[in-house]
PDB file of all heavy atoms in Angstrom:
ATOM      1  N   SER A   1       0.826  -1.274   0.015  1.00  0.00           N
ATOM      2  CA  SER A   1       0.199   0.005   0.049  1.00  0.00           C
ATOM      3  C   SER A   1       0.848   1.302   0.030  1.00  0.00           C
ATOM      4  O   SER A   1       1.938   1.225   0.688  1.00  0.00           O
ATOM      5  CB  SER A   1      -0.894   0.037   1.179  1.00  0.00           C
ATOM      6  OG  SER A   1      -1.739  -1.166   1.234  1.00  0.00           O
ATOM      7  N   PRO A   2       0.475   2.262  -0.771  1.00  0.00           N
ATOM      8  CA  PRO A   2       1.355   3.533  -0.861  1.00  0.00           C
ATOM      9  C   PRO A   2       1.333   4.282   0.473  1.00  0.00           C
ATOM     10  O   PRO A   2       0.398   4.086   1.421  1.00  0.00           O
ATOM     11  CB  PRO A   2       0.504   4.303  -1.899  1.00  0.00           C
ATOM     12  CG  PRO A   2      -0.841   3.773  -1.971  1.00  0.00           C
ATOM     13  CD  PRO A   2      -0.812   2.372  -1.586  1.00  0.00           C
ATOM     14  N   ALA A   3       2.280   5.159   0.572  1.00  0.00           N
ATOM     15  CA  ALA A   3       2.486   5.930   1.668  1.00  0.00           C
ATOM     16  C   ALA A   3       1.333   6.782   2.145  1.00  0.00           C
ATOM     17  O   ALA A   3       0.948   6.963   3.256  1.00  0.00           O
ATOM     18  CB  ALA A   3       3.719   6.814   1.608  1.00  0.00           C
ATOM     19  N   GLN A   4       0.676   7.328   1.118  1.00  0.00           N
ATOM     20  CA  GLN A   4      -0.483   8.090   1.428  1.00  0.00           C
ATOM     21  C   GLN A   4      -1.755   7.348   2.020  1.00  0.00           C
ATOM     22  O   GLN A   4      -2.527   7.895   2.781  1.00  0.00           O
ATOM     23  CB  GLN A   4      -1.165   8.880   0.142  1.00  0.00           C
ATOM     24  CG  GLN A   4      -1.643   8.084  -0.887  1.00  0.00           C
ATOM     25  CD  GLN A   4      -0.769   7.702  -2.008  1.00  0.00           C
ATOM     26  OE1 GLN A   4       0.536   7.646  -1.786  1.00  0.00           O
ATOM     27  NE2 GLN A   4      -1.170   7.561  -3.232  1.00  0.00           N
ATOM     28  N   THR A   5      -1.671   6.151   1.780  1.00  0.00           N
ATOM     29  CA  THR A   5      -2.805   5.235   2.433  1.00  0.00           C
ATOM     30  C   THR A   5      -2.394   5.026   3.925  1.00  0.00           C
ATOM     31  O   THR A   5      -3.243   5.141   4.772  1.00  0.00           O
ATOM     32  CB  THR A   5      -2.882   3.930   1.723  1.00  0.00           C
ATOM     33  OG1 THR A   5      -3.384   4.188   0.398  1.00  0.00           O
ATOM     34  CG2 THR A   5      -3.924   3.001   2.403  1.00  0.00           C
ATOM     35  N   LEU A   6      -1.159   4.748   4.127  1.00  0.00           N
ATOM     36  CA  LEU A   6      -0.777   4.525   5.565  1.00  0.00           C
ATOM     37  C   LEU A   6      -0.993   5.954   6.356  1.00  0.00           C
ATOM     38  O   LEU A   6      -1.363   5.783   7.609  1.00  0.00           O
ATOM     39  CB  LEU A   6       0.726   4.199   5.642  1.00  0.00           C
ATOM     40  CG  LEU A   6       1.066   2.866   4.997  1.00  0.00           C
ATOM     41  CD1 LEU A   6       2.504   2.612   5.108  1.00  0.00           C
ATOM     42  CD2 LEU A   6       0.234   1.844   5.473  1.00  0.00           C
ATOM     43  N   ALA A   7      -0.826   7.076   5.745  1.00  0.00           N
ATOM     44  CA  ALA A   7      -1.107   8.317   6.415  1.00  0.00           C
ATOM     45  C   ALA A   7      -2.599   8.492   6.619  1.00  0.00           C
ATOM     46  O   ALA A   7      -3.062   9.154   7.568  1.00  0.00           O
ATOM     47  CB  ALA A   7      -0.489   9.481   5.660  1.00  0.00           C
ATOM     48  N   PHE A   8      -3.426   7.986   5.731  1.00  0.00           N
ATOM     49  CA  PHE A   8      -4.778   8.154   5.804  1.00  0.00           C
ATOM     50  C   PHE A   8      -5.432   7.324   6.857  1.00  0.00           C
ATOM     51  O   PHE A   8      -6.532   7.738   7.428  1.00  0.00           O
ATOM     52  CB  PHE A   8      -5.420   7.708   4.428  1.00  0.00           C
ATOM     53  CG  PHE A   8      -6.894   7.282   4.343  1.00  0.00           C
ATOM     54  CD1 PHE A   8      -7.881   8.325   4.180  1.00  0.00           C
ATOM     55  CD2 PHE A   8      -7.341   6.132   4.373  1.00  0.00           C
ATOM     56  CE1 PHE A   8      -9.165   8.039   4.210  1.00  0.00           C
ATOM     57  CE2 PHE A   8      -8.582   5.694   4.317  1.00  0.00           C
ATOM     58  CZ  PHE A   8      -9.634   6.749   4.290  1.00  0.00           C
ATOM     59  N   ILE A   9      -4.883   6.161   7.224  1.00  0.00           N
ATOM     60  CA  ILE A   9      -5.423   5.243   8.210  1.00  0.00           C
ATOM     61  C   ILE A   9      -5.684   5.952   9.558  1.00  0.00           C
ATOM     62  O   ILE A   9      -6.706   5.674  10.169  1.00  0.00           O
ATOM     63  CB  ILE A   9      -4.566   3.998   8.374  1.00  0.00           C
ATOM     64  CG1 ILE A   9      -4.557   3.077   7.167  1.00  0.00           C
ATOM     65  CG2 ILE A   9      -4.803   3.202   9.624  1.00  0.00           C
ATOM     66  CD1 ILE A   9      -3.519   1.964   7.114  1.00  0.00           C
ATOM     67  N   GLN A  10      -4.743   6.804  10.025  1.00  0.00           N
ATOM     68  CA  GLN A  10      -4.939   7.304  11.286  1.00  0.00           C
ATOM     69  C   GLN A  10      -6.222   8.107  11.469  1.00  0.00           C
ATOM     70  O   GLN A  10      -7.035   7.828  12.307  1.00  0.00           O
ATOM     71  CB  GLN A  10      -3.806   8.142  11.778  1.00  0.00           C
ATOM     72  CG  GLN A  10      -3.809   8.550  13.220  1.00  0.00           C
ATOM     73  CD  GLN A  10      -2.677   9.426  13.710  1.00  0.00           C
ATOM     74  OE1 GLN A  10      -2.621  10.563  13.475  1.00  0.00           O
ATOM     75  NE2 GLN A  10      -1.705   8.756  14.206  1.00  0.00           N
ATOM     76  N   PRO A  11      -6.400   9.180  10.688  1.00  0.00           N
ATOM     77  CA  PRO A  11      -7.614   9.992  10.810  1.00  0.00           C
ATOM     78  C   PRO A  11      -8.875   9.129  10.490  1.00  0.00           C
ATOM     79  O   PRO A  11      -9.964   9.331  11.150  1.00  0.00           O
ATOM     80  CB  PRO A  11      -7.512  11.214   9.882  1.00  0.00           C
ATOM     81  CG  PRO A  11      -6.415  10.645   8.829  1.00  0.00           C
ATOM     82  CD  PRO A  11      -5.596   9.750   9.618  1.00  0.00           C
ATOM     83  N   ALA A  12      -8.886   8.180   9.556  1.00  0.00           N
ATOM     84  CA  ALA A  12      -9.979   7.385   9.176  1.00  0.00           C
ATOM     85  C   ALA A  12     -10.431   6.497  10.427  1.00  0.00           C
ATOM     86  O   ALA A  12     -11.560   6.481  10.724  1.00  0.00           O
ATOM     87  CB  ALA A  12      -9.647   6.538   7.890  1.00  0.00           C
ATOM     88  N   ALA A  13      -9.372   5.811  10.970  1.00  0.00           N
ATOM     89  CA  ALA A  13      -9.647   4.957  12.097  1.00  0.00           C
ATOM     90  C   ALA A  13     -10.168   5.728  13.272  1.00  0.00           C
ATOM     91  O   ALA A  13     -10.987   5.274  14.043  1.00  0.00           O
ATOM     92  CB  ALA A  13      -8.463   4.144  12.395  1.00  0.00           C
ATOM     93  N   ARG A  14      -9.600   6.985  13.416  1.00  0.00           N
ATOM     94  CA  ARG A  14     -10.053   7.770  14.657  1.00  0.00           C
ATOM     95  C   ARG A  14     -11.481   8.245  14.440  1.00  0.00           C
ATOM     96  O   ARG A  14     -12.194   8.108  15.426  1.00  0.00           O
ATOM     97  CB  ARG A  14      -9.104   8.987  14.767  1.00  0.00           C
ATOM     98  CG  ARG A  14      -7.751   8.632  15.394  1.00  0.00           C
ATOM     99  CD  ARG A  14      -6.929   9.893  15.518  1.00  0.00           C
ATOM    100  NE  ARG A  14      -5.653   9.547  16.062  1.00  0.00           N
ATOM    101  CZ  ARG A  14      -4.738  10.387  16.379  1.00  0.00           C
ATOM    102  NH1 ARG A  14      -4.857  11.728  16.084  1.00  0.00           N
ATOM    103  NH2 ARG A  14      -3.530  10.004  16.935  1.00  0.00           N
ATOM    104  N   ALA A  15     -11.881   8.575  13.237  1.00  0.00           N
ATOM    105  CA  ALA A  15     -13.353   8.886  13.020  1.00  0.00           C
ATOM    106  C   ALA A  15     -14.268   7.873  13.355  1.00  0.00           C
ATOM    107  O   ALA A  15     -15.262   7.980  14.031  1.00  0.00           O
ATOM    108  CB  ALA A  15     -13.463   9.326  11.544  1.00  0.00           C
ATOM    109  N   TRP A  16     -13.844   6.589  12.916  1.00  0.00           N
ATOM    110  CA  TRP A  16     -14.621   5.465  13.228  1.00  0.00           C
ATOM    111  C   TRP A  16     -14.599   5.124  14.666  1.00  0.00           C
ATOM    112  O   TRP A  16     -15.663   4.731  15.336  1.00  0.00           O
ATOM    113  CB  TRP A  16     -14.214   4.295  12.505  1.00  0.00           C
ATOM    114  CG  TRP A  16     -15.014   3.146  12.488  1.00  0.00           C
ATOM    115  CD1 TRP A  16     -14.875   1.943  13.050  1.00  0.00           C
ATOM    116  CD2 TRP A  16     -16.412   2.932  11.964  1.00  0.00           C
ATOM    117  NE1 TRP A  16     -15.978   1.046  12.960  1.00  0.00           N
ATOM    118  CE2 TRP A  16     -16.864   1.687  12.273  1.00  0.00           C
ATOM    119  CE3 TRP A  16     -17.194   3.831  11.168  1.00  0.00           C
ATOM    120  CZ2 TRP A  16     -18.134   1.295  11.864  1.00  0.00           C
ATOM    121  CZ3 TRP A  16     -18.424   3.393  10.826  1.00  0.00           C
ATOM    122  CH2 TRP A  16     -18.890   2.166  11.123  1.00  0.00           C
ATOM    123  N   GLY A  17     -13.394   5.247  15.270  1.00  0.00           N
ATOM    124  CA  GLY A  17     -13.285   4.854  16.734  1.00  0.00           C
ATOM    125  C   GLY A  17     -13.988   5.807  17.701  1.00  0.00           C
ATOM    126  O   GLY A  17     -14.632   5.365  18.571  1.00  0.00           O
ATOM    127  N   TYR A  18     -13.879   7.105  17.459  1.00  0.00           N
ATOM    128  CA  TYR A  18     -14.758   8.049  18.244  1.00  0.00           C
ATOM    129  C   TYR A  18     -16.136   7.720  18.145  1.00  0.00           C
ATOM    130  O   TYR A  18     -16.857   7.721  19.170  1.00  0.00           O
ATOM    131  CB  TYR A  18     -14.401   9.446  17.885  1.00  0.00           C
ATOM    132  CG  TYR A  18     -12.936  10.009  18.209  1.00  0.00           C
ATOM    133  CD1 TYR A  18     -12.339  10.670  17.089  1.00  0.00           C
ATOM    134  CD2 TYR A  18     -12.328   9.726  19.300  1.00  0.00           C
ATOM    135  CE1 TYR A  18     -11.026  11.201  17.379  1.00  0.00           C
ATOM    136  CE2 TYR A  18     -11.074  10.173  19.534  1.00  0.00           C
ATOM    137  CZ  TYR A  18     -10.372  10.876  18.560  1.00  0.00           C
ATOM    138  OH  TYR A  18      -9.148  11.337  18.786  1.00  0.00           O
ATOM    139  N   ALA A  19     -16.648   7.507  16.908  1.00  0.00           N
ATOM    140  CA  ALA A  19     -18.148   7.215  16.739  1.00  0.00           C
ATOM    141  C   ALA A  19     -18.434   5.944  17.455  1.00  0.00           C
ATOM    142  O   ALA A  19     -19.498   5.720  18.127  1.00  0.00           O
ATOM    143  CB  ALA A  19     -18.399   7.137  15.254  1.00  0.00           C
ATOM    144  N   GLY A  20     -17.498   4.918  17.345  1.00  0.00           N
ATOM    145  CA  GLY A  20     -17.763   3.722  17.973  1.00  0.00           C
ATOM    146  C   GLY A  20     -17.861   3.700  19.469  1.00  0.00           C
ATOM    147  O   GLY A  20     -18.688   2.988  20.139  1.00  0.00           O
ATOM    148  N   LEU A  21     -17.009   4.552  20.146  1.00  0.00           N
ATOM    149  CA  LEU A  21     -17.010   4.649  21.613  1.00  0.00           C
ATOM    150  C   LEU A  21     -18.272   5.285  22.016  1.00  0.00           C
ATOM    151  O   LEU A  21     -18.949   5.083  23.062  1.00  0.00           O
ATOM    152  CB  LEU A  21     -15.843   5.464  22.006  1.00  0.00           C
ATOM    153  CG  LEU A  21     -14.489   4.596  22.070  1.00  0.00           C
ATOM    154  CD1 LEU A  21     -13.340   5.495  22.591  1.00  0.00           C
ATOM    155  CD2 LEU A  21     -14.649   3.443  23.065  1.00  0.00           C
ATOM    156  N   LEU A  22     -18.846   6.394  21.216  1.00  0.00           N
ATOM    157  CA  LEU A  22     -20.083   6.958  21.491  1.00  0.00           C
ATOM    158  C   LEU A  22     -21.143   5.946  21.438  1.00  0.00           C
ATOM    159  O   LEU A  22     -22.005   6.015  22.345  1.00  0.00           O
ATOM    160  CB  LEU A  22     -20.466   8.148  20.563  1.00  0.00           C
ATOM    161  CG  LEU A  22     -19.663   9.378  20.833  1.00  0.00           C
ATOM    162  CD1 LEU A  22     -19.776  10.409  19.560  1.00  0.00           C
ATOM    163  CD2 LEU A  22     -20.168  10.040  22.119  1.00  0.00           C
ATOM    164  N   ARG A  23     -21.148   5.121  20.527  1.00  0.00           N
ATOM    165  CA  ARG A  23     -22.147   4.123  20.434  1.00  0.00           C
ATOM    166  C   ARG A  23     -22.142   3.071  21.578  1.00  0.00           C
ATOM    167  O   ARG A  23     -23.139   2.488  21.994  1.00  0.00           O
ATOM    168  CB  ARG A  23     -22.044   3.398  18.990  1.00  0.00           C
ATOM    169  CG  ARG A  23     -22.292   4.262  17.778  1.00  0.00           C
ATOM    170  CD  ARG A  23     -21.949   3.542  16.509  1.00  0.00           C
ATOM    171  NE  ARG A  23     -22.841   2.289  16.357  1.00  0.00           N
ATOM    172  CZ  ARG A  23     -22.623   1.437  15.375  1.00  0.00           C
ATOM    173  NH1 ARG A  23     -21.491   1.391  14.774  1.00  0.00           N
ATOM    174  NH2 ARG A  23     -23.414   0.441  15.267  1.00  0.00           N
ATOM    175  N   ALA A  24     -20.832   2.708  22.022  1.00  0.00           N
ATOM    176  CA  ALA A  24     -20.814   1.829  23.063  1.00  0.00           C
ATOM    177  C   ALA A  24     -20.915   2.295  24.419  1.00  0.00           C
ATOM    178  O   ALA A  24     -20.911   1.603  25.437  1.00  0.00           O
ATOM    179  CB  ALA A  24     -19.366   1.144  22.912  1.00  0.00           C
ATOM    180  N   ALA A  25     -20.937   3.581  24.591  1.00  0.00           N
ATOM    181  CA  ALA A  25     -21.054   4.285  25.878  1.00  0.00           C
ATOM    182  C   ALA A  25     -22.180   3.697  26.893  1.00  0.00           C
ATOM    183  O   ALA A  25     -21.959   3.451  28.021  1.00  0.00           O
ATOM    184  CB  ALA A  25     -21.347   5.751  25.816  1.00  0.00           C
ATOM    185  N   PRO A  26     -23.316   3.403  26.304  1.00  0.00           N
ATOM    186  CA  PRO A  26     -24.426   2.857  27.114  1.00  0.00           C
ATOM    187  C   PRO A  26     -24.030   1.505  27.673  1.00  0.00           C
ATOM    188  O   PRO A  26     -24.346   1.187  28.830  1.00  0.00           O
ATOM    189  CB  PRO A  26     -25.740   2.817  26.227  1.00  0.00           C
ATOM    190  CG  PRO A  26     -25.468   3.837  25.272  1.00  0.00           C
ATOM    191  CD  PRO A  26     -23.950   3.826  24.912  1.00  0.00           C
ATOM    192  N   VAL A  27     -23.348   0.668  26.816  1.00  0.00           N
ATOM    193  CA  VAL A  27     -22.955  -0.624  27.334  1.00  0.00           C
ATOM    194  C   VAL A  27     -21.869  -0.462  28.440  1.00  0.00           C
ATOM    195  O   VAL A  27     -21.856  -1.160  29.500  1.00  0.00           O
ATOM    196  CB  VAL A  27     -22.377  -1.431  26.067  1.00  0.00           C
ATOM    197  CG1 VAL A  27     -21.804  -2.804  26.591  1.00  0.00           C
ATOM    198  CG2 VAL A  27     -23.339  -1.616  25.070  1.00  0.00           C
ATOM    199  N   TRP A  28     -20.952   0.400  28.221  1.00  0.00           N
ATOM    200  CA  TRP A  28     -19.927   0.616  29.301  1.00  0.00           C
ATOM    201  C   TRP A  28     -20.584   1.117  30.547  1.00  0.00           C
ATOM    202  O   TRP A  28     -20.180   0.724  31.587  1.00  0.00           O
ATOM    203  CB  TRP A  28     -18.934   1.685  28.744  1.00  0.00           C
ATOM    204  CG  TRP A  28     -17.884   1.247  27.822  1.00  0.00           C
ATOM    205  CD1 TRP A  28     -18.208   0.316  26.789  1.00  0.00           C
ATOM    206  CD2 TRP A  28     -16.516   1.542  27.590  1.00  0.00           C
ATOM    207  NE1 TRP A  28     -17.090   0.057  26.081  1.00  0.00           N
ATOM    208  CE2 TRP A  28     -15.970   0.913  26.470  1.00  0.00           C
ATOM    209  CE3 TRP A  28     -15.723   2.437  28.347  1.00  0.00           C
ATOM    210  CZ2 TRP A  28     -14.710   0.989  26.137  1.00  0.00           C
ATOM    211  CZ3 TRP A  28     -14.369   2.593  27.913  1.00  0.00           C
ATOM    212  CH2 TRP A  28     -13.861   1.797  26.889  1.00  0.00           C
ATOM    213  N   GLN A  29     -21.654   2.038  30.380  1.00  0.00           N
ATOM    214  CA  GLN A  29     -22.145   2.583  31.611  1.00  0.00           C
ATOM    215  C   GLN A  29     -22.930   1.470  32.394  1.00  0.00           C
ATOM    216  O   GLN A  29     -22.993   1.440  33.642  1.00  0.00           O
ATOM    217  CB  GLN A  29     -23.203   3.765  31.140  1.00  0.00           C
ATOM    218  CG  GLN A  29     -22.523   4.958  30.772  1.00  0.00           C
ATOM    219  CD  GLN A  29     -23.536   5.915  30.137  1.00  0.00           C
ATOM    220  OE1 GLN A  29     -24.591   5.706  29.985  1.00  0.00           O
ATOM    221  NE2 GLN A  29     -22.887   7.156  29.737  1.00  0.00           N
ATOM    222  N   ALA A  30     -23.537   0.517  31.619  1.00  0.00           N
ATOM    223  CA  ALA A  30     -24.156  -0.663  32.254  1.00  0.00           C
ATOM    224  C   ALA A  30     -23.291  -1.518  33.085  1.00  0.00           C
ATOM    225  O   ALA A  30     -23.624  -2.194  34.013  1.00  0.00           O
ATOM    226  CB  ALA A  30     -24.915  -1.487  31.257  1.00  0.00           C
ATOM    227  N   LYS A  31     -21.953  -1.362  32.697  1.00  0.00           N
ATOM    228  CA  LYS A  31     -20.986  -2.150  33.398  1.00  0.00           C
ATOM    229  C   LYS A  31     -20.462  -1.297  34.548  1.00  0.00           C
ATOM    230  O   LYS A  31     -19.389  -1.755  35.206  1.00  0.00           O
ATOM    231  CB  LYS A  31     -19.865  -2.644  32.423  1.00  0.00           C
ATOM    232  CG  LYS A  31     -20.314  -3.603  31.481  1.00  0.00           C
ATOM    233  CD  LYS A  31     -19.201  -3.873  30.479  1.00  0.00           C
ATOM    234  CE  LYS A  31     -19.567  -5.020  29.386  1.00  0.00           C
ATOM    235  NZ  LYS A  31     -18.451  -5.347  28.485  1.00  0.00           N
ATOM    236  N   GLY A  32     -20.886  -0.085  34.712  1.00  0.00           N
ATOM    237  CA  GLY A  32     -20.337   0.703  35.807  1.00  0.00           C
ATOM    238  C   GLY A  32     -19.090   1.417  35.352  1.00  0.00           C
ATOM    239  O   GLY A  32     -18.276   1.811  36.256  1.00  0.00           O
ATOM    240  N   ARG A  33     -18.830   1.686  34.096  1.00  0.00           N
ATOM    241  CA  ARG A  33     -17.724   2.305  33.642  1.00  0.00           C
ATOM    242  C   ARG A  33     -17.994   3.481  32.671  1.00  0.00           C
ATOM    243  O   ARG A  33     -18.965   3.427  31.881  1.00  0.00           O
ATOM    244  CB  ARG A  33     -16.799   1.339  32.852  1.00  0.00           C
ATOM    245  CG  ARG A  33     -15.512   1.933  32.421  1.00  0.00           C
ATOM    246  CD  ARG A  33     -14.662   0.906  31.461  1.00  0.00           C
ATOM    247  NE  ARG A  33     -13.370   1.582  31.073  1.00  0.00           N
ATOM    248  CZ  ARG A  33     -12.499   1.049  30.285  1.00  0.00           C
ATOM    249  NH1 ARG A  33     -12.797  -0.310  29.840  1.00  0.00           N
ATOM    250  NH2 ARG A  33     -11.353   1.509  29.947  1.00  0.00           N
ATOM    251  N   SER A  34     -17.292   4.596  32.809  1.00  0.00           N
ATOM    252  CA  SER A  34     -17.441   5.779  31.968  1.00  0.00           C
ATOM    253  C   SER A  34     -16.284   5.889  30.969  1.00  0.00           C
ATOM    254  O   SER A  34     -15.230   5.292  31.371  1.00  0.00           O
ATOM    255  CB  SER A  34     -17.713   7.045  32.681  1.00  0.00           C
ATOM    256  OG  SER A  34     -16.562   7.425  33.341  1.00  0.00           O
ATOM    257  N   LEU A  35     -16.438   6.629  29.983  1.00  0.00           N
ATOM    258  CA  LEU A  35     -15.284   6.849  29.114  1.00  0.00           C
ATOM    259  C   LEU A  35     -14.319   7.758  29.708  1.00  0.00           C
ATOM    260  O   LEU A  35     -13.071   7.717  29.172  1.00  0.00           O
ATOM    261  CB  LEU A  35     -15.856   7.317  27.697  1.00  0.00           C
ATOM    262  CG  LEU A  35     -16.729   6.478  26.883  1.00  0.00           C
ATOM    263  CD1 LEU A  35     -17.270   7.202  25.604  1.00  0.00           C
ATOM    264  CD2 LEU A  35     -16.025   5.167  26.488  1.00  0.00           C
ATOM    265  N   GLY A  36     -14.766   8.661  30.587  1.00  0.00           N
ATOM    266  CA  GLY A  36     -13.858   9.563  31.148  1.00  0.00           C
ATOM    267  C   GLY A  36     -13.668  10.951  30.353  1.00  0.00           C
ATOM    268  O   GLY A  36     -12.917  11.739  30.747  1.00  0.00           O
ATOM    269  N   VAL A  37     -14.492  10.998  29.392  1.00  0.00           N
ATOM    270  CA  VAL A  37     -14.475  12.274  28.432  1.00  0.00           C
ATOM    271  C   VAL A  37     -15.957  12.629  28.157  1.00  0.00           C
ATOM    272  O   VAL A  37     -16.816  11.805  28.157  1.00  0.00           O
ATOM    273  CB  VAL A  37     -13.680  12.004  27.226  1.00  0.00           C
ATOM    274  CG1 VAL A  37     -12.158  11.704  27.478  1.00  0.00           C
ATOM    275  CG2 VAL A  37     -14.249  10.904  26.352  1.00  0.00           C
TER     276      VAL A  37
END
């Protein structure tokens, strides 16, 4: 994979990861845990 793809992975994965943690927040809360942010 070209260098521009490796550079693209970080922001792309962060966009997905931030959204994923928001979606998972209720599950975490049910376990007695918060995201801390």
